[in-house]
C-alpha atoms as a PDB file:
ATOM      1  CA  MET A   1     115.638 111.731 101.358  1.00  0.00           C
ATOM      2  CA  ALA A   2     112.832 108.924 100.804  1.00  0.00           C
ATOM      3  CA  GLY A   3     112.287 106.511 103.458  1.00  0.00           C
ATOM      4  CA  LYS A   4     113.424 102.825 102.719  1.00  0.00           C
ATOM      5  CA  TYR A   5     109.581 101.638 102.923  1.00  0.00           C
ATOM      6  CA  ASP A   6     107.945 104.321 101.008  1.00  0.00           C
ATOM      7  CA  HIS A   7     107.861 101.749  98.135  1.00  0.00           C
ATOM      8  CA  ALA A   8     105.639  99.607 100.181  1.00  0.00           C
ATOM      9  CA  ALA A   9     103.353 102.607 100.851  1.00  0.00           C
ATOM     10  CA  ARG A  10     103.326 103.358  97.070  1.00  0.00           C
ATOM     11  CA  LEU A  11     102.188  99.467  96.409  1.00  0.00           C
ATOM     12  CA  ILE A  12      99.251  99.856  98.767  1.00  0.00           C
ATOM     13  CA  HIS A  13      98.270 103.311  97.308  1.00  0.00           C
ATOM     14  CA  ASP A  14      98.319 101.647  93.746  1.00  0.00           C
ATOM     15  CA  ALA A  15      96.335  98.720  94.927  1.00  0.00           C
ATOM     16  CA  ILE A  16      93.784 100.611  96.517  1.00  0.00           C
ATOM     17  CA  GLU A  17      93.239 102.637  93.262  1.00  0.00           C
ATOM     18  CA  LYS A  18      93.057  99.333  91.428  1.00  0.00           C
ATOM     19  CA  GLY A  19      90.360  98.068  93.744  1.00  0.00           C
ATOM     20  CA  TYR A  20      92.341  95.234  95.513  1.00  0.00           C
ATOM     21  CA  PHE A  21      90.855  96.454  98.565  1.00  0.00           C
ATOM     22  CA  PRO A  22      89.198  99.577  99.911  1.00  0.00           C
ATOM     23  CA  SER A  23      91.624 100.296 102.730  1.00  0.00           C
ATOM     24  CA  ALA A  24      94.937  98.861 104.191  1.00  0.00           C
ATOM     25  CA  CYS A  25      97.100  99.349 107.324  1.00  0.00           C
ATOM     26  CA  LEU A  26     100.677  98.265 107.441  1.00  0.00           C
ATOM     27  CA  GLU A  27     103.155  98.012 110.214  1.00  0.00           C
ATOM     28  CA  ILE A  28     106.777  96.878 109.626  1.00  0.00           C
ATOM     29  CA  GLY A  29     108.585  96.103 112.844  1.00  0.00           C
ATOM     30  CA  ASN A  30     111.611  93.834 114.428  1.00  0.00           C
ATOM     31  CA  LYS A  31     112.327  92.374 118.048  1.00  0.00           C
ATOM     32  CA  ALA A  32     112.524  96.073 119.381  1.00  0.00           C
ATOM     33  CA  GLY A  33     108.977  97.171 117.924  1.00  0.00           C
ATOM     34  CA  ARG A  34     107.860  99.326 115.167  1.00  0.00           C
ATOM     35  CA  ILE A  35     110.160 100.521 112.418  1.00  0.00           C
ATOM     36  CA  PHE A  36     107.378 102.050 109.820  1.00  0.00           C
ATOM     37  CA  ARG A  37     103.515 102.300 109.672  1.00  0.00           C
ATOM     38  CA  HIS A  38     101.230 103.533 106.709  1.00  0.00           C
ATOM     39  CA  TRP A  39      97.247 103.528 106.571  1.00  0.00           C
ATOM     40  CA  GLU A  40      95.214 104.555 103.525  1.00  0.00           C
ATOM     41  CA  GLY A  41      91.850 104.126 102.159  1.00  0.00           C
ATOM     42  CA  ASN A  42      88.322 103.898 103.358  1.00  0.00           C
ATOM     43  CA  ARG A  43      87.318 101.329 106.065  1.00  0.00           C
ATOM     44  CA  SER A  44      83.636 101.656 104.542  1.00  0.00           C
ATOM     45  CA  VAL A  45      82.569 102.438 100.952  1.00  0.00           C
ATOM     46  CA  TYR A  46      78.913 101.611 101.241  1.00  0.00           C
ATOM     47  CA  PRO A  47      76.503 102.849 102.150  1.00  0.00           C
ATOM     48  CA  VAL A  48      78.732 105.717 103.175  1.00  0.00           C
ATOM     49  CA  VAL A  49      82.410 106.479 102.932  1.00  0.00           C
ATOM     50  CA  GLU A  50      84.360 106.348 106.304  1.00  0.00           C
ATOM     51  CA  PRO A  51      88.124 106.729 106.144  1.00  0.00           C
ATOM     52  CA  ALA A  52      90.412 104.148 107.748  1.00  0.00           C
ATOM     53  CA  GLU A  53      92.154 105.202 110.808  1.00  0.00           C
ATOM     54  CA  GLU A  54      95.445 104.200 112.416  1.00  0.00           C
ATOM     55  CA  ASP A  55      93.584 102.273 115.073  1.00  0.00           C
ATOM     56  CA  THR A  56      90.614 100.838 112.916  1.00  0.00           C
ATOM     57  CA  LEU A  57      89.657  97.171 113.606  1.00  0.00           C
ATOM     58  CA  PHE A  58      89.801  94.468 110.993  1.00  0.00           C
ATOM     59  CA  ASP A  59      88.124  91.131 110.797  1.00  0.00           C
ATOM     60  CA  LEU A  60      91.239  88.695 110.898  1.00  0.00           C
ATOM     61  CA  ALA A  61      89.711  86.074 109.366  1.00  0.00           C
ATOM     62  CA  SER A  62      92.018  82.844 109.678  1.00  0.00           C
ATOM     63  CA  VAL A  63      94.799  84.911 111.279  1.00  0.00           C
ATOM     64  CA  THR A  64      92.287  83.956 114.600  1.00  0.00           C
ATOM     65  CA  LYS A  65      93.814  80.605 114.154  1.00  0.00           C
ATOM     66  CA  ILE A  66      97.113  81.702 115.614  1.00  0.00           C
ATOM     67  CA  LEU A  67      96.085  84.313 117.905  1.00  0.00           C
ATOM     68  CA  SER A  68      93.214  82.333 119.607  1.00  0.00           C
ATOM     69  CA  PRO A  69      93.054  78.539 119.304  1.00  0.00           C
ATOM     70  CA  THR A  70      96.791  78.147 118.565  1.00  0.00           C
ATOM     71  CA  MET A  71      98.027  80.236 121.492  1.00  0.00           C
ATOM     72  CA  LEU A  72      95.649  78.532 123.902  1.00  0.00           C
ATOM     73  CA  ALA A  73      96.763  75.123 122.991  1.00  0.00           C
ATOM     74  CA  LEU A  74     100.337  76.103 123.251  1.00  0.00           C
ATOM     75  CA  ARG A  75      99.605  77.468 126.634  1.00  0.00           C
ATOM     76  CA  PHE A  76      97.416  74.590 127.799  1.00  0.00           C
ATOM     77  CA  ILE A  77     100.206  72.193 126.915  1.00  0.00           C
ATOM     78  CA  GLU A  78     102.635  74.112 128.985  1.00  0.00           C
ATOM     79  CA  GLU A  79     100.248  74.160 131.893  1.00  0.00           C
ATOM     80  CA  GLY A  80      99.905  70.259 131.463  1.00  0.00           C
ATOM     81  CA  LEU A  81      96.149  70.518 130.494  1.00  0.00           C
ATOM     82  CA  LEU A  82      96.717  69.150 127.077  1.00  0.00           C
ATOM     83  CA  CYS A  83      99.044  67.119 124.968  1.00  0.00           C
ATOM     84  CA  LEU A  84      99.436  66.937 121.257  1.00  0.00           C
ATOM     85  CA  SER A  85      98.869  63.242 121.553  1.00  0.00           C
ATOM     86  CA  ASP A  86      95.408  63.863 122.911  1.00  0.00           C
ATOM     87  CA  ARG A  87      92.523  62.189 120.593  1.00  0.00           C
ATOM     88  CA  VAL A  88      89.541  64.244 119.844  1.00  0.00           C
ATOM     89  CA  GLY A  89      87.661  61.205 120.990  1.00  0.00           C
ATOM     90  CA  ASP A  90      88.994  61.739 124.318  1.00  0.00           C
ATOM     91  CA  TYR A  91      86.527  64.647 124.446  1.00  0.00           C
ATOM     92  CA  PHE A  92      83.764  63.910 121.885  1.00  0.00           C
ATOM     93  CA  ASP A  93      81.970  60.809 120.873  1.00  0.00           C
ATOM     94  CA  VAL A  94      83.571  60.299 117.314  1.00  0.00           C
ATOM     95  CA  PRO A  95      82.999  58.116 114.170  1.00  0.00           C
ATOM     96  CA  GLU A  96      85.676  54.957 113.788  1.00  0.00           C
ATOM     97  CA  ASP A  97      87.181  56.702 111.206  1.00  0.00           C
ATOM     98  CA  LYS A  98      88.002  59.888 113.158  1.00  0.00           C
ATOM     99  CA  LYS A  99      89.334  58.152 116.254  1.00  0.00           C
ATOM    100  CA  GLU A 100      92.802  58.654 115.661  1.00  0.00           C
ATOM    101  CA  ILE A 101      92.527  62.560 114.945  1.00  0.00           C
ATOM    102  CA  THR A 102      95.084  64.103 117.486  1.00  0.00           C
ATOM    103  CA  ILE A 103      95.474  67.770 118.713  1.00  0.00           C
ATOM    104  CA  PHE A 104      98.554  67.422 116.725  1.00  0.00           C
ATOM    105  CA  ASN A 105      96.708  66.698 113.427  1.00  0.00           C
ATOM    106  CA  LEU A 106      94.347  69.569 114.129  1.00  0.00           C
ATOM    107  CA  LEU A 107      97.116  72.097 114.643  1.00  0.00           C
ATOM    108  CA  THR A 108      99.048  70.857 111.376  1.00  0.00           C
ATOM    109  CA  HIS A 109      95.993  70.483 109.259  1.00  0.00           C
ATOM    110  CA  THR A 110      96.636  66.717 108.844  1.00  0.00           C
ATOM    111  CA  SER A 111      93.450  65.476 110.501  1.00  0.00           C
ATOM    112  CA  GLY A 112      91.709  64.855 107.001  1.00  0.00           C
ATOM    113  CA  ILE A 113      88.843  67.010 108.429  1.00  0.00           C
ATOM    114  CA  ARG A 114      87.222  68.566 105.228  1.00  0.00           C
ATOM    115  CA  PRO A 115      88.899  72.320 104.375  1.00  0.00           C
ATOM    116  CA  TYR A 116      85.503  74.392 104.210  1.00  0.00           C
ATOM    117  CA  VAL A 117      82.272  73.236 104.089  1.00  0.00           C
ATOM    118  CA  SER A 118      79.142  75.232 105.117  1.00  0.00           C
ATOM    119  CA  ILE A 119      77.820  73.986 108.225  1.00  0.00           C
ATOM    120  CA  VAL A 120      75.083  76.537 108.413  1.00  0.00           C
ATOM    121  CA  ASP A 121      72.639  74.206 106.546  1.00  0.00           C
ATOM    122  CA  LYS A 122      73.742  71.077 108.109  1.00  0.00           C
ATOM    123  CA  ALA A 123      73.972  71.347 111.720  1.00  0.00           C
ATOM    124  CA  PRO A 124      70.677  71.507 113.580  1.00  0.00           C
ATOM    125  CA  ASP A 125      71.902  74.185 115.882  1.00  0.00           C
ATOM    126  CA  ALA A 126      75.647  75.736 117.180  1.00  0.00           C
ATOM    127  CA  GLU A 127      75.304  73.173 119.989  1.00  0.00           C
ATOM    128  CA  ARG A 128      75.986  70.192 117.653  1.00  0.00           C
ATOM    129  CA  VAL A 129      78.709  71.568 115.287  1.00  0.00           C
ATOM    130  CA  VAL A 130      81.312  69.258 116.337  1.00  0.00           C
ATOM    131  CA  GLU A 131      78.896  66.219 115.701  1.00  0.00           C
ATOM    132  CA  THR A 132      78.170  67.655 112.325  1.00  0.00           C
ATOM    133  CA  ILE A 133      81.620  68.253 111.375  1.00  0.00           C
ATOM    134  CA  LEU A 134      82.641  64.618 112.502  1.00  0.00           C
ATOM    135  CA  SER A 135      79.834  63.029 110.669  1.00  0.00           C
ATOM    136  CA  LEU A 136      81.349  64.411 107.262  1.00  0.00           C
ATOM    137  CA  GLU A 137      83.430  61.882 105.257  1.00  0.00           C
ATOM    138  CA  LEU A 138      87.153  62.688 105.754  1.00  0.00           C
ATOM    139  CA  ALA A 139      89.014  64.456 102.596  1.00  0.00           C
ATOM    140  CA  PHE A 140      92.047  61.824 103.147  1.00  0.00           C
ATOM    141  CA  PRO A 141      93.030  59.377 105.740  1.00  0.00           C
ATOM    142  CA  VAL A 142      94.310  60.711 109.221  1.00  0.00           C
ATOM    143  CA  GLY A 143      97.870  61.829 108.891  1.00  0.00           C
ATOM    144  CA  GLY A 144      98.115  61.222 105.154  1.00  0.00           C
ATOM    145  CA  GLU A 145      98.620  64.766 104.068  1.00  0.00           C
ATOM    146  CA  VAL A 146      98.083  68.453 104.569  1.00  0.00           C
ATOM    147  CA  GLY A 147      94.649  69.658 103.960  1.00  0.00           C
ATOM    148  CA  TYR A 148      94.022  73.352 105.368  1.00  0.00           C
ATOM    149  CA  SER A 149      90.717  73.095 107.284  1.00  0.00           C
ATOM    150  CA  CYS A 150      88.698  75.484 108.901  1.00  0.00           C
ATOM    151  CA  LEU A 151      86.566  72.923 110.001  1.00  0.00           C
ATOM    152  CA  GLY A 152      89.442  71.302 112.033  1.00  0.00           C
ATOM    153  CA  PHE A 153      90.152  74.384 113.769  1.00  0.00           C
ATOM    154  CA  ILE A 154      86.263  74.868 114.797  1.00  0.00           C
ATOM    155  CA  VAL A 155      86.793  71.471 116.600  1.00  0.00           C
ATOM    156  CA  LEU A 156      89.955  72.401 118.093  1.00  0.00           C
ATOM    157  CA  GLY A 157      88.349  75.599 119.525  1.00  0.00           C
ATOM    158  CA  LYS A 158      85.633  73.475 121.126  1.00  0.00           C
ATOM    159  CA  VAL A 159      88.233  70.977 122.378  1.00  0.00           C
ATOM    160  CA  LEU A 160      89.960  73.929 124.092  1.00  0.00           C
ATOM    161  CA  GLU A 161      86.671  75.217 125.722  1.00  0.00           C
ATOM    162  CA  LEU A 162      86.234  71.875 127.375  1.00  0.00           C
ATOM    163  CA  VAL A 163      89.995  72.029 128.756  1.00  0.00           C
ATOM    164  CA  GLY A 164      89.652  75.585 129.617  1.00  0.00           C
ATOM    165  CA  GLY A 165      86.392  75.243 131.394  1.00  0.00           C
ATOM    166  CA  ASP A 166      85.207  78.497 129.565  1.00  0.00           C
ATOM    167  CA  THR A 167      84.168  79.931 126.167  1.00  0.00           C
ATOM    168  CA  LEU A 168      86.851  80.655 123.453  1.00  0.00           C
ATOM    169  CA  ASP A 169      86.536  84.301 123.759  1.00  0.00           C
ATOM    170  CA  ARG A 170      86.866  84.501 127.470  1.00  0.00           C
ATOM    171  CA  LEU A 171      89.964  82.141 127.424  1.00  0.00           C
ATOM    172  CA  SER A 172      91.422  83.898 124.564  1.00  0.00           C
ATOM    173  CA  GLN A 173      91.025  87.368 126.622  1.00  0.00           C
ATOM    174  CA  LYS A 174      92.501  85.641 129.856  1.00  0.00           C
ATOM    175  CA  TYR A 175      95.470  83.659 128.304  1.00  0.00           C
ATOM    176  CA  VAL A 176      96.486  85.862 125.126  1.00  0.00           C
ATOM    177  CA  PHE A 177      94.861  89.420 124.896  1.00  0.00           C
ATOM    178  CA  GLU A 178      95.297  90.353 128.397  1.00  0.00           C
ATOM    179  CA  PRO A 179      98.800  89.216 128.804  1.00  0.00           C
ATOM    180  CA  LEU A 180     100.037  90.794 125.675  1.00  0.00           C
ATOM    181  CA  GLU A 181      98.341  94.075 126.551  1.00  0.00           C
ATOM    182  CA  MET A 182      96.157  93.820 123.484  1.00  0.00           C
ATOM    183  CA  LYS A 183      93.511  96.086 124.870  1.00  0.00           C
ATOM    184  CA  ASN A 184      91.255  96.457 121.504  1.00  0.00           C
ATOM    185  CA  THR A 185      91.399  92.750 120.449  1.00  0.00           C
ATOM    186  CA  THR A 186      88.123  90.910 120.640  1.00  0.00           C
ATOM    187  CA  PHE A 187      85.679  88.685 119.081  1.00  0.00           C
ATOM    188  CA  ARG A 188      82.223  90.352 118.422  1.00  0.00           C
ATOM    189  CA  PRO A 189      83.613  93.890 118.794  1.00  0.00           C
ATOM    190  CA  LYS A 190      81.673  97.228 119.466  1.00  0.00           C
ATOM    191  CA  GLY A 191      81.981 100.618 118.023  1.00  0.00           C
ATOM    192  CA  ASP A 192      82.167 102.439 114.892  1.00  0.00           C
ATOM    193  CA  ASN A 193      85.850 102.270 114.058  1.00  0.00           C
ATOM    194  CA  ILE A 194      85.762  98.927 112.598  1.00  0.00           C
ATOM    195  CA  ALA A 195      86.323  98.220 108.778  1.00  0.00           C
ATOM    196  CA  ALA A 196      83.102  96.588 106.958  1.00  0.00           C
ATOM    197  CA  THR A 197      83.296  92.831 106.304  1.00  0.00           C
ATOM    198  CA  ASP A 198      80.834  92.505 103.439  1.00  0.00           C
ATOM    199  CA  TYR A 199      78.707  94.369 100.914  1.00  0.00           C
ATOM    200  CA  ASN A 200      75.195  93.295 100.161  1.00  0.00           C
ATOM    201  CA  THR A 201      74.601  94.467  96.415  1.00  0.00           C
ATOM    202  CA  GLN A 202      70.976  93.760  96.855  1.00  0.00           C
ATOM    203  CA  LYS A 203      70.258  95.590  99.847  1.00  0.00           C
ATOM    204  CA  GLY A 204      73.152  98.101  99.425  1.00  0.00           C
ATOM    205  CA  THR A 205      74.108  97.812 103.197  1.00  0.00           C
ATOM    206  CA  CYS A 206      77.169  96.032 104.740  1.00  0.00           C
ATOM    207  CA  SER A 207      78.265  94.492 108.077  1.00  0.00           C
ATOM    208  CA  VAL A 208      80.475  96.249 110.547  1.00  0.00           C
ATOM    209  CA  GLY A 209      81.806  94.258 113.451  1.00  0.00           C
ATOM    210  CA  ILE A 210      80.194  91.112 112.308  1.00  0.00           C
ATOM    211  CA  VAL A 211      82.700  88.317 111.022  1.00  0.00           C
ATOM    212  CA  ASN A 212      82.765  87.562 107.372  1.00  0.00           C
ATOM    213  CA  ASP A 213      82.875  84.042 107.732  1.00  0.00           C
ATOM    214  CA  HIS A 214      79.632  82.506 107.595  1.00  0.00           C
ATOM    215  CA  ASN A 215      80.520  79.205 109.764  1.00  0.00           C
ATOM    216  CA  SER A 216      81.855  81.601 112.487  1.00  0.00           C
ATOM    217  CA  ARG A 217      78.648  83.701 112.132  1.00  0.00           C
ATOM    218  CA  PHE A 218      76.658  80.774 112.806  1.00  0.00           C
ATOM    219  CA  LEU A 219      78.323  80.109 116.210  1.00  0.00           C
ATOM    220  CA  GLY A 220      77.805  83.588 117.305  1.00  0.00           C
ATOM    221  CA  GLY A 221      81.120  85.088 116.194  1.00  0.00           C
ATOM    222  CA  VAL A 222      83.206  82.906 118.305  1.00  0.00           C
ATOM    223  CA  ALA A 223      84.998  79.997 116.615  1.00  0.00           C
ATOM    224  CA  GLY A 224      88.399  78.613 116.325  1.00  0.00           C
ATOM    225  CA  ASN A 225      88.483  79.436 112.706  1.00  0.00           C
ATOM    226  CA  ALA A 226      87.647  82.942 112.542  1.00  0.00           C
ATOM    227  CA  GLY A 227      85.979  85.721 114.391  1.00  0.00           C
ATOM    228  CA  VAL A 228      88.769  87.678 116.141  1.00  0.00           C
ATOM    229  CA  PHE A 229      89.162  91.591 115.440  1.00  0.00           C
ATOM    230  CA  SER A 230      92.143  93.657 115.964  1.00  0.00           C
ATOM    231  CA  ASN A 231      94.257  96.624 114.842  1.00  0.00           C
ATOM    232  CA  LEU A 232      98.025  97.613 114.262  1.00  0.00           C
ATOM    233  CA  ASP A 233      98.518  98.570 118.124  1.00  0.00           C
ATOM    234  CA  ASP A 234      97.618  95.163 119.545  1.00  0.00           C
ATOM    235  CA  LEU A 235      98.913  93.195 116.558  1.00  0.00           C
ATOM    236  CA  SER A 236     101.982  95.092 117.026  1.00  0.00           C
ATOM    237  CA  ASN A 237     102.368  93.433 120.591  1.00  0.00           C
ATOM    238  CA  PHE A 238     101.577  90.009 119.285  1.00  0.00           C
ATOM    239  CA  ALA A 239     104.252  90.178 116.238  1.00  0.00           C
ATOM    240  CA  MET A 240     106.853  91.257 118.799  1.00  0.00           C
ATOM    241  CA  MET A 241     106.414  88.318 120.773  1.00  0.00           C
ATOM    242  CA  LEU A 242     106.447  86.078 117.608  1.00  0.00           C
ATOM    243  CA  ALA A 243     109.573  87.790 116.759  1.00  0.00           C
ATOM    244  CA  ASN A 244     111.296  87.583 120.057  1.00  0.00           C
ATOM    245  CA  MET A 245     110.747  83.696 120.072  1.00  0.00           C
ATOM    246  CA  GLY A 246     107.790  83.741 122.673  1.00  0.00           C
ATOM    247  CA  ARG A 247     109.260  86.689 124.816  1.00  0.00           C
ATOM    248  CA  TYR A 248     107.154  89.843 125.627  1.00  0.00           C
ATOM    249  CA  LYS A 249     108.793  93.045 127.240  1.00  0.00           C
ATOM    250  CA  GLY A 250     111.256  90.703 128.783  1.00  0.00           C
ATOM    251  CA  ARG A 251     109.198  88.178 130.204  1.00  0.00           C
ATOM    252  CA  GLN A 252     108.287  84.640 128.818  1.00  0.00           C
ATOM    253  CA  TYR A 253     104.928  84.391 127.356  1.00  0.00           C
ATOM    254  CA  LEU A 254     105.931  80.880 125.830  1.00  0.00           C
ATOM    255  CA  SER A 255     108.631  78.958 126.740  1.00  0.00           C
ATOM    256  CA  SER A 256     111.525  78.696 124.328  1.00  0.00           C
ATOM    257  CA  LYS A 257     110.947  74.957 123.824  1.00  0.00           C
ATOM    258  CA  MET A 258     107.315  75.350 123.345  1.00  0.00           C
ATOM    259  CA  PHE A 259     107.917  78.210 120.739  1.00  0.00           C
ATOM    260  CA  ALA A 260     110.564  76.156 119.002  1.00  0.00           C
ATOM    261  CA  LYS A 261     108.175  73.320 118.404  1.00  0.00           C
ATOM    262  CA  ALA A 262     105.296  75.542 117.263  1.00  0.00           C
ATOM    263  CA  ILE A 263     107.608  76.963 114.395  1.00  0.00           C
ATOM    264  CA  LYS A 264     109.003  73.370 113.591  1.00  0.00           C
ATOM    265  CA  ASN A 265     108.062  72.134 109.907  1.00  0.00           C
ATOM    266  CA  TRP A 266     106.222  69.122 111.134  1.00  0.00           C
ATOM    267  CA  THR A 267     105.005  68.268 107.593  1.00  0.00           C
ATOM    268  CA  PRO A 268     108.451  68.138 105.234  1.00  0.00           C
ATOM    269  CA  ASP A 269     107.162  65.329 103.111  1.00  0.00           C
ATOM    270  CA  PHE A 270     103.984  67.148 102.184  1.00  0.00           C
ATOM    271  CA  ASP A 271     103.441  70.119  99.822  1.00  0.00           C
ATOM    272  CA  GLN A 272     102.838  72.666 102.506  1.00  0.00           C
ATOM    273  CA  ALA A 273     105.151  73.475 105.399  1.00  0.00           C
ATOM    274  CA  ARG A 274     102.941  73.408 108.752  1.00  0.00           C
ATOM    275  CA  GLY A 275     104.107  74.260 112.361  1.00  0.00           C
ATOM    276  CA  LEU A 276     101.640  73.966 115.251  1.00  0.00           C
ATOM    277  CA  GLY A 277      99.008  76.268 113.988  1.00  0.00           C
ATOM    278  CA  PHE A 278     101.425  78.310 111.876  1.00  0.00           C
ATOM    279  CA  LEU A 279     101.933  78.405 108.227  1.00  0.00           C
ATOM    280  CA  LEU A 280     105.695  78.341 107.367  1.00  0.00           C
ATOM    281  CA  THR A 281     107.868  79.012 104.493  1.00  0.00           C
ATOM    282  CA  ASP A 282     110.062  76.281 103.177  1.00  0.00           C
ATOM    283  CA  THR A 283     112.394  76.050  99.846  1.00  0.00           C
ATOM    284  CA  ARG A 284     109.498  74.560  97.822  1.00  0.00           C
ATOM    285  CA  VAL A 285     106.689  76.905  98.346  1.00  0.00           C
ATOM    286  CA  ASN A 286     106.704  80.587  99.818  1.00  0.00           C
ATOM    287  CA  PRO A 287     103.132  81.732  99.837  1.00  0.00           C
ATOM    288  CA  PRO A 288     103.761  84.890 101.451  1.00  0.00           C
ATOM    289  CA  GLY A 289     106.647  86.254  99.762  1.00  0.00           C
ATOM    290  CA  GLU A 290     109.984  84.492  97.958  1.00  0.00           C
ATOM    291  CA  LEU A 291     112.328  86.626 100.318  1.00  0.00           C
ATOM    292  CA  PHE A 292     111.428  85.350 103.602  1.00  0.00           C
ATOM    293  CA  SER A 293     113.834  83.059 104.962  1.00  0.00           C
ATOM    294  CA  THR A 294     113.242  79.497 105.132  1.00  0.00           C
ATOM    295  CA  GLY A 295     111.240  78.600 108.410  1.00  0.00           C
ATOM    296  CA  SER A 296     109.446  82.067 108.574  1.00  0.00           C
ATOM    297  CA  TYR A 297     106.110  81.809 110.351  1.00  0.00           C
ATOM    298  CA  GLY A 298     102.815  83.535 110.401  1.00  0.00           C
ATOM    299  CA  HIS A 299      99.369  83.269 109.051  1.00  0.00           C
ATOM    300  CA  THR A 300      96.896  84.785 106.375  1.00  0.00           C
ATOM    301  CA  GLY A 301      93.213  85.511 106.538  1.00  0.00           C
ATOM    302  CA  TYR A 302      90.421  85.465 103.738  1.00  0.00           C
ATOM    303  CA  THR A 303      89.453  89.128 104.464  1.00  0.00           C
ATOM    304  CA  GLY A 304      93.123  90.304 103.210  1.00  0.00           C
ATOM    305  CA  THR A 305      94.915  90.262 106.693  1.00  0.00           C
ATOM    306  CA  SER A 306      98.171  88.665 107.392  1.00  0.00           C
ATOM    307  CA  VAL A 307     100.791  88.485 110.234  1.00  0.00           C
ATOM    308  CA  PHE A 308     104.374  87.085 109.140  1.00  0.00           C
ATOM    309  CA  VAL A 309     107.939  87.275 110.859  1.00  0.00           C
ATOM    310  CA  ASP A 310     111.105  86.587 109.198  1.00  0.00           C
ATOM    311  CA  LYS A 311     112.856  83.384 111.189  1.00  0.00           C
ATOM    312  CA  ASP A 312     116.476  84.965 110.637  1.00  0.00           C
ATOM    313  CA  THR A 313     116.064  88.502 111.257  1.00  0.00           C
ATOM    314  CA  GLY A 314     113.066  89.017 113.267  1.00  0.00           C
ATOM    315  CA  LEU A 315     111.330  91.407 110.791  1.00  0.00           C
ATOM    316  CA  TYR A 316     107.810  91.365 111.072  1.00  0.00           C
ATOM    317  CA  VAL A 317     104.958  92.697 108.665  1.00  0.00           C
ATOM    318  CA  ILE A 318     101.499  93.236 109.499  1.00  0.00           C
ATOM    319  CA  LEU A 319      98.860  93.731 106.796  1.00  0.00           C
ATOM    320  CA  LEU A 320      95.241  94.473 107.375  1.00  0.00           C
ATOM    321  CA  THR A 321      92.830  94.955 104.697  1.00  0.00           C
ATOM    322  CA  ASN A 322      89.188  94.569 104.118  1.00  0.00           C
ATOM    323  CA  ARG A 323      89.073  93.290 100.521  1.00  0.00           C
ATOM    324  CA  VAL A 324      85.790  92.019 101.356  1.00  0.00           C
ATOM    325  CA  HIS A 325      83.918  95.037 101.202  1.00  0.00           C
ATOM    326  CA  SER A 326      83.375  95.051  97.579  1.00  0.00           C
ATOM    327  CA  GLU A 327      80.829  94.141  95.096  1.00  0.00           C
ATOM    328  CA  THR A 328      83.416  91.858  93.513  1.00  0.00           C
ATOM    329  CA  ILE A 329      86.065  89.673  95.426  1.00  0.00           C
ATOM    330  CA  ASP A 330      88.912  88.318  93.652  1.00  0.00           C
ATOM    331  CA  ASP A 331      92.338  87.041  94.602  1.00  0.00           C
ATOM    332  CA  ARG A 332      94.678  89.730  93.530  1.00  0.00           C
ATOM    333  CA  ILE A 333      95.438  89.905  97.493  1.00  0.00           C
ATOM    334  CA  LEU A 334      97.525  86.597  96.969  1.00  0.00           C
ATOM    335  CA  ARG A 335     100.048  88.174  94.341  1.00  0.00           C
ATOM    336  CA  PHE A 336     100.069  91.530  96.033  1.00  0.00           C
ATOM    337  CA  ARG A 337     100.950  90.025  99.520  1.00  0.00           C
ATOM    338  CA  ARG A 338     104.100  88.421  97.908  1.00  0.00           C
ATOM    339  CA  VAL A 339     104.784  91.634  96.054  1.00  0.00           C
ATOM    340  CA  LEU A 340     104.516  93.757  99.114  1.00  0.00           C
ATOM    341  CA  HIS A 341     106.774  91.413 101.229  1.00  0.00           C
ATOM    342  CA  ASN A 342     109.312  90.980  98.730  1.00  0.00           C
ATOM    343  CA  SER A 343     109.591  94.969  98.389  1.00  0.00           C
ATOM    344  CA  ILE A 344     109.743  95.153 102.336  1.00  0.00           C
ATOM    345  CA  LEU A 345     112.373  92.253 102.730  1.00  0.00           C
ATOM    346  CA  ALA A 346     114.469  93.552  99.931  1.00  0.00           C
ATOM    347  CA  ALA A 347     114.705  97.088 101.490  1.00  0.00           C
ATOM    348  CA  SER A 348     115.671  95.750 105.069  1.00  0.00           C
END
């Protein structure tokens, strides 16, 4: 008898055949852990073909936001080191129009800081990145709407480094990766079993173990917006914690009160449902899939990655792809993700 998630595997196979992405690793699970796993395709196509493996590391792109700065912010709030009402101006010198930006604004993407601007040719050096970002004109008044901002999360990462007294990668290791037994998750990974993150058509080469996001590259591969690499085994632990509302293997990683605040829709009057760091589904817009329960939570990444948890059932879906390892990058991943999630949720 065919398994109930075989259709999901066929969808991935067809997407690879059509060139949506060179490879994919998929896990479906719930509060108890893994239910189904599938991997297929090539982690590298240029200059040599290398098949994807079950434990291949992928550049998570913006899934970094919930793995690193979001978790750190929530933990620091619990430990009394940080408040949602703290202002960026409490930590940095800021222009007058940025003085009301709070940690809450950064986490909910209501800061007005521009979505994505290359800082590579604007910042004199990595040390002045916050100054450079805060010098840019706001896209809208603070708190006036939701505007997804990678630059805002770079600023958040720098605040967290000051609060935690260490670099973002080391803080993430201490407060997130080690407690959740994520043994292979890291910024700036080493080794060969890593999915390629780009393809240089002029040189015929690609990057392996180097973050695709150019702002994160400029910052040495460690930034609040992107830079974490991980695989199915480690993300399974993270997703189980999310599915269990902050509990991991019988212990409380995040308090129930903190977790409830994190997945609350703080932007009900705007066109995106945002928790504290998390992208949420609501009755108006369901970017990860129409069949997710209202209030489901997770995040996506530009490289073709995503982690989402259905709020009502605790079912989670992890999808890792390297769609950026291609001569042409398109947005077919957006519809594919919805189709895949709908298929999985309908079968569950």
